[in-house]
Amino acid sequence: MNMHAGGAEDPLEAAAQRLDQALARVEGLTHKLRARADSAQTAEEAAEIAREVTHSTADDRARLAAALDASRAREMELQSAAQDASDALDRAIEELRQVFEAE
């Protein structure tokens, strides 16, 4: 697990792990449904199986897209906070230099 300072998990790493898990679920479902389709006795049964796969895949895709969007938004927030902290440190260092130069 990729951790940041303070023990927080990297949001992009967490999203990648969720993606891997979702893909594993999709693969498992695909194998299971393919076996059902192979044994389907009518075209209607095969079509129903195909609809199930399409619906499940669309749901997973939507959840993953939302998670990825949230992770990207959080990454941007963290980058902004890091820049703010860096700017504040730069100002503090400059103030300390001015104090020491004045002495």
N, C-alpha and C. Protein backbone atom coordinates (compact mmCIF):
# COMPACT_ATOMS: atom_id res chain seq x y z
N MET A 1 0.85 -1.18 0.00
CA MET A 1 0.00 0.00 0.00
C MET A 1 0.89 1.23 0.00
N ASN A 2 0.59 2.19 -0.83
CA ASN A 2 1.38 3.40 -0.95
C ASN A 2 0.81 4.45 0.01
N MET A 3 1.61 4.85 1.01
CA MET A 3 1.12 5.75 2.04
C MET A 3 1.81 7.11 1.90
N HIS A 4 1.07 8.15 2.24
CA HIS A 4 1.60 9.51 2.33
C HIS A 4 1.96 9.81 3.77
N ALA A 5 2.58 10.97 3.99
CA ALA A 5 2.87 11.40 5.35
C ALA A 5 1.59 11.44 6.15
N GLY A 6 1.66 11.00 7.37
CA GLY A 6 0.48 10.99 8.22
C GLY A 6 -0.31 9.70 8.08
N GLY A 7 0.18 8.77 7.26
CA GLY A 7 -0.46 7.47 7.15
C GLY A 7 -1.64 7.41 6.20
N ALA A 8 -1.87 8.46 5.42
CA ALA A 8 -3.01 8.46 4.50
C ALA A 8 -2.63 7.70 3.23
N GLU A 9 -3.57 6.92 2.73
CA GLU A 9 -3.33 6.15 1.52
C GLU A 9 -3.36 7.07 0.30
N ASP A 10 -2.47 6.83 -0.66
CA ASP A 10 -2.42 7.59 -1.90
C ASP A 10 -3.74 7.39 -2.64
N PRO A 11 -4.48 8.46 -2.92
CA PRO A 11 -5.80 8.32 -3.56
C PRO A 11 -5.72 7.67 -4.94
N LEU A 12 -4.67 7.96 -5.70
CA LEU A 12 -4.57 7.35 -7.01
C LEU A 12 -4.27 5.86 -6.90
N GLU A 13 -3.45 5.49 -5.93
CA GLU A 13 -3.17 4.07 -5.70
C GLU A 13 -4.44 3.35 -5.27
N ALA A 14 -5.24 3.98 -4.42
CA ALA A 14 -6.50 3.37 -3.98
C ALA A 14 -7.44 3.21 -5.17
N ALA A 15 -7.50 4.20 -6.06
CA ALA A 15 -8.36 4.10 -7.24
C ALA A 15 -7.88 2.98 -8.16
N ALA A 16 -6.56 2.85 -8.30
CA ALA A 16 -6.01 1.78 -9.13
C ALA A 16 -6.36 0.41 -8.54
N GLN A 17 -6.30 0.29 -7.23
CA GLN A 17 -6.66 -0.97 -6.59
C GLN A 17 -8.14 -1.28 -6.79
N ARG A 18 -8.98 -0.27 -6.68
CA ARG A 18 -10.42 -0.49 -6.91
C ARG A 18 -10.66 -0.90 -8.36
N LEU A 19 -9.91 -0.31 -9.29
CA LEU A 19 -10.04 -0.67 -10.69
C LEU A 19 -9.65 -2.13 -10.90
N ASP A 20 -8.53 -2.53 -10.30
CA ASP A 20 -8.10 -3.93 -10.40
C ASP A 20 -9.16 -4.87 -9.84
N GLN A 21 -9.75 -4.51 -8.72
CA GLN A 21 -10.78 -5.35 -8.11
C GLN A 21 -12.01 -5.42 -9.00
N ALA A 22 -12.39 -4.30 -9.58
CA ALA A 22 -13.57 -4.28 -10.45
C ALA A 22 -13.32 -5.12 -11.70
N LEU A 23 -12.11 -5.00 -12.25
CA LEU A 23 -11.79 -5.80 -13.43
C LEU A 23 -11.80 -7.29 -13.11
N ALA A 24 -11.32 -7.65 -11.94
CA ALA A 24 -11.37 -9.05 -11.53
C ALA A 24 -12.81 -9.53 -11.42
N ARG A 25 -13.69 -8.68 -10.86
CA ARG A 25 -15.11 -9.04 -10.77
C ARG A 25 -15.72 -9.20 -12.15
N VAL A 26 -15.38 -8.29 -13.06
CA VAL A 26 -15.91 -8.36 -14.42
C VAL A 26 -15.42 -9.63 -15.11
N GLU A 27 -14.14 -9.96 -14.93
CA GLU A 27 -13.61 -11.18 -15.54
C GLU A 27 -14.32 -12.42 -14.99
N GLY A 28 -14.52 -12.46 -13.69
CA GLY A 28 -15.22 -13.59 -13.09
C GLY A 28 -16.65 -13.70 -13.61
N LEU A 29 -17.32 -12.57 -13.67
CA LEU A 29 -18.69 -12.56 -14.16
C LEU A 29 -18.73 -12.97 -15.63
N THR A 30 -17.77 -12.49 -16.41
CA THR A 30 -17.72 -12.83 -17.82
C THR A 30 -17.55 -14.33 -18.01
N HIS A 31 -16.65 -14.94 -17.25
CA HIS A 31 -16.45 -16.40 -17.36
C HIS A 31 -17.72 -17.15 -16.98
N LYS A 32 -18.35 -16.70 -15.91
CA LYS A 32 -19.58 -17.36 -15.46
C LYS A 32 -20.69 -17.22 -16.50
N LEU A 33 -20.85 -16.02 -17.03
CA LEU A 33 -21.91 -15.79 -18.00
C LEU A 33 -21.61 -16.46 -19.34
N ARG A 34 -20.33 -16.53 -19.70
CA ARG A 34 -19.96 -17.22 -20.94
C ARG A 34 -20.34 -18.70 -20.84
N ALA A 35 -20.10 -19.28 -19.67
CA ALA A 35 -20.48 -20.69 -19.47
C ALA A 35 -21.99 -20.84 -19.59
N ARG A 36 -22.73 -19.89 -19.02
CA ARG A 36 -24.20 -19.94 -19.14
C ARG A 36 -24.63 -19.77 -20.59
N ALA A 37 -23.98 -18.85 -21.31
CA ALA A 37 -24.33 -18.61 -22.72
C ALA A 37 -24.04 -19.85 -23.56
N ASP A 38 -22.92 -20.50 -23.27
CA ASP A 38 -22.57 -21.71 -24.02
C ASP A 38 -23.62 -22.79 -23.82
N SER A 39 -24.23 -22.81 -22.65
CA SER A 39 -25.23 -23.84 -22.38
C SER A 39 -26.66 -23.36 -22.66
N ALA A 40 -26.80 -22.09 -23.09
CA ALA A 40 -28.14 -21.56 -23.38
C ALA A 40 -28.77 -22.34 -24.52
N GLN A 41 -30.04 -22.60 -24.39
CA GLN A 41 -30.70 -23.42 -25.39
C GLN A 41 -31.46 -22.60 -26.41
N THR A 42 -31.67 -21.32 -26.13
CA THR A 42 -32.40 -20.48 -27.08
C THR A 42 -31.67 -19.16 -27.27
N ALA A 43 -32.00 -18.50 -28.34
CA ALA A 43 -31.42 -17.18 -28.60
C ALA A 43 -31.87 -16.19 -27.54
N GLU A 44 -33.10 -16.33 -27.04
CA GLU A 44 -33.60 -15.42 -26.01
C GLU A 44 -32.79 -15.56 -24.72
N GLU A 45 -32.46 -16.79 -24.35
CA GLU A 45 -31.63 -16.99 -23.15
C GLU A 45 -30.26 -16.33 -23.34
N ALA A 46 -29.67 -16.48 -24.50
CA ALA A 46 -28.36 -15.88 -24.78
C ALA A 46 -28.46 -14.36 -24.75
N ALA A 47 -29.55 -13.80 -25.29
CA ALA A 47 -29.74 -12.35 -25.28
C ALA A 47 -29.89 -11.82 -23.86
N GLU A 48 -30.61 -12.55 -23.01
CA GLU A 48 -30.77 -12.14 -21.61
C GLU A 48 -29.43 -12.11 -20.90
N ILE A 49 -28.60 -13.10 -21.15
CA ILE A 49 -27.27 -13.14 -20.55
C ILE A 49 -26.45 -11.95 -21.02
N ALA A 50 -26.51 -11.64 -22.30
CA ALA A 50 -25.78 -10.49 -22.84
C ALA A 50 -26.25 -9.19 -22.19
N ARG A 51 -27.55 -9.05 -21.94
CA ARG A 51 -28.07 -7.85 -21.27
C ARG A 51 -27.53 -7.75 -19.85
N GLU A 52 -27.44 -8.88 -19.15
CA GLU A 52 -26.91 -8.88 -17.79
C GLU A 52 -25.45 -8.40 -17.78
N VAL A 53 -24.66 -8.90 -18.72
CA VAL A 53 -23.25 -8.50 -18.80
C VAL A 53 -23.14 -7.00 -19.08
N THR A 54 -23.92 -6.52 -20.03
CA THR A 54 -23.88 -5.10 -20.40
C THR A 54 -24.26 -4.22 -19.21
N HIS A 55 -25.30 -4.58 -18.50
CA HIS A 55 -25.75 -3.80 -17.34
C HIS A 55 -24.69 -3.79 -16.24
N SER A 56 -24.14 -4.95 -15.94
CA SER A 56 -23.13 -5.05 -14.88
C SER A 56 -21.88 -4.25 -15.24
N THR A 57 -21.45 -4.34 -16.49
CA THR A 57 -20.26 -3.61 -16.94
C THR A 57 -20.49 -2.11 -16.88
N ALA A 58 -21.67 -1.66 -17.29
CA ALA A 58 -21.97 -0.23 -17.26
C ALA A 58 -21.98 0.30 -15.83
N ASP A 59 -22.53 -0.48 -14.90
CA ASP A 59 -22.54 -0.08 -13.48
C ASP A 59 -21.11 0.04 -12.95
N ASP A 60 -20.28 -0.96 -13.23
CA ASP A 60 -18.89 -0.92 -12.78
C ASP A 60 -18.16 0.27 -13.39
N ARG A 61 -18.37 0.50 -14.67
CA ARG A 61 -17.70 1.61 -15.34
C ARG A 61 -18.10 2.94 -14.72
N ALA A 62 -19.38 3.10 -14.43
CA ALA A 62 -19.86 4.35 -13.83
C ALA A 62 -19.25 4.56 -12.44
N ARG A 63 -19.23 3.50 -11.64
CA ARG A 63 -18.64 3.62 -10.29
C ARG A 63 -17.15 3.94 -10.37
N LEU A 64 -16.44 3.28 -11.28
CA LEU A 64 -15.01 3.52 -11.42
C LEU A 64 -14.73 4.93 -11.93
N ALA A 65 -15.54 5.41 -12.86
CA ALA A 65 -15.36 6.77 -13.37
C ALA A 65 -15.57 7.79 -12.27
N ALA A 66 -16.58 7.57 -11.44
CA ALA A 66 -16.84 8.49 -10.33
C ALA A 66 -15.69 8.46 -9.33
N ALA A 67 -15.18 7.27 -9.04
CA ALA A 67 -14.06 7.15 -8.09
C ALA A 67 -12.80 7.82 -8.66
N LEU A 68 -12.56 7.64 -9.94
CA LEU A 68 -11.40 8.26 -10.57
C LEU A 68 -11.53 9.78 -10.56
N ASP A 69 -12.71 10.29 -10.87
CA ASP A 69 -12.93 11.75 -10.83
C ASP A 69 -12.70 12.30 -9.43
N ALA A 70 -13.20 11.59 -8.43
CA ALA A 70 -13.01 12.03 -7.04
C ALA A 70 -11.53 12.01 -6.67
N SER A 71 -10.82 10.98 -7.10
CA SER A 71 -9.38 10.89 -6.80
C SER A 71 -8.61 12.01 -7.47
N ARG A 72 -8.97 12.31 -8.71
CA ARG A 72 -8.28 13.41 -9.41
C ARG A 72 -8.56 14.75 -8.75
N ALA A 73 -9.80 14.95 -8.33
CA ALA A 73 -10.15 16.20 -7.65
C ALA A 73 -9.36 16.31 -6.34
N ARG A 74 -9.28 15.22 -5.61
CA ARG A 74 -8.53 15.22 -4.35
C ARG A 74 -7.05 15.47 -4.60
N GLU A 75 -6.52 14.89 -5.66
CA GLU A 75 -5.11 15.12 -6.01
C GLU A 75 -4.86 16.61 -6.27
N MET A 76 -5.78 17.25 -7.00
CA MET A 76 -5.63 18.68 -7.29
C MET A 76 -5.69 19.50 -6.00
N GLU A 77 -6.58 19.12 -5.08
CA GLU A 77 -6.67 19.82 -3.79
C GLU A 77 -5.36 19.67 -3.03
N LEU A 78 -4.82 18.45 -3.02
CA LEU A 78 -3.57 18.21 -2.30
C LEU A 78 -2.40 18.96 -2.93
N GLN A 79 -2.37 19.02 -4.25
CA GLN A 79 -1.31 19.77 -4.92
C GLN A 79 -1.41 21.25 -4.58
N SER A 80 -2.61 21.77 -4.54
CA SER A 80 -2.81 23.17 -4.19
C SER A 80 -2.38 23.44 -2.75
N ALA A 81 -2.75 22.54 -1.85
CA ALA A 81 -2.36 22.70 -0.44
C ALA A 81 -0.84 22.61 -0.30
N ALA A 82 -0.22 21.71 -1.05
CA ALA A 82 1.24 21.59 -1.00
C ALA A 82 1.91 22.87 -1.51
N GLN A 83 1.35 23.45 -2.57
CA GLN A 83 1.91 24.70 -3.10
C GLN A 83 1.74 25.84 -2.10
N ASP A 84 0.58 25.91 -1.45
CA ASP A 84 0.34 26.92 -0.43
C ASP A 84 1.34 26.79 0.72
N ALA A 85 1.58 25.55 1.14
CA ALA A 85 2.53 25.32 2.22
C ALA A 85 3.94 25.71 1.79
N SER A 86 4.30 25.37 0.57
CA SER A 86 5.62 25.73 0.05
C SER A 86 5.78 27.25 -0.01
N ASP A 87 4.75 27.93 -0.47
CA ASP A 87 4.80 29.40 -0.53
C ASP A 87 4.94 30.00 0.86
N ALA A 88 4.22 29.46 1.83
CA ALA A 88 4.30 29.96 3.21
C ALA A 88 5.70 29.74 3.77
N LEU A 89 6.28 28.58 3.49
CA LEU A 89 7.66 28.32 3.95
C LEU A 89 8.65 29.27 3.29
N ASP A 90 8.48 29.53 2.01
CA ASP A 90 9.36 30.47 1.32
C ASP A 90 9.28 31.86 1.96
N ARG A 91 8.05 32.28 2.28
CA ARG A 91 7.89 33.60 2.93
C ARG A 91 8.55 33.61 4.31
N ALA A 92 8.36 32.55 5.06
CA ALA A 92 8.95 32.47 6.41
C ALA A 92 10.48 32.49 6.33
N ILE A 93 11.03 31.76 5.38
CA ILE A 93 12.49 31.74 5.21
C ILE A 93 12.99 33.13 4.85
N GLU A 94 12.29 33.79 3.96
CA GLU A 94 12.70 35.13 3.56
C GLU A 94 12.63 36.10 4.75
N GLU A 95 11.58 36.01 5.57
CA GLU A 95 11.47 36.86 6.75
C GLU A 95 12.62 36.59 7.72
N LEU A 96 12.97 35.32 7.91
CA LEU A 96 14.09 34.98 8.80
C LEU A 96 15.41 35.55 8.25
N ARG A 97 15.60 35.46 6.96
CA ARG A 97 16.81 36.02 6.37
C ARG A 97 16.88 37.54 6.62
N GLN A 98 15.76 38.21 6.46
CA GLN A 98 15.74 39.66 6.67
C GLN A 98 16.03 39.99 8.12
N VAL A 99 15.52 39.20 9.04
CA VAL A 99 15.78 39.43 10.47
C VAL A 99 17.27 39.25 10.77
N PHE A 100 17.86 38.16 10.23
CA PHE A 100 19.28 37.91 10.49
C PHE A 100 20.17 38.94 9.82
N GLU A 101 19.79 39.41 8.66
CA GLU A 101 20.58 40.44 7.97
C GLU A 101 20.49 41.78 8.69
N ALA A 102 19.38 42.03 9.36
CA ALA A 102 19.20 43.29 10.09
C ALA A 102 20.03 43.33 11.37
N GLU A 103 20.37 42.17 11.87
CA GLU A 103 21.13 42.14 13.14
C GLU A 103 22.57 42.41 12.98
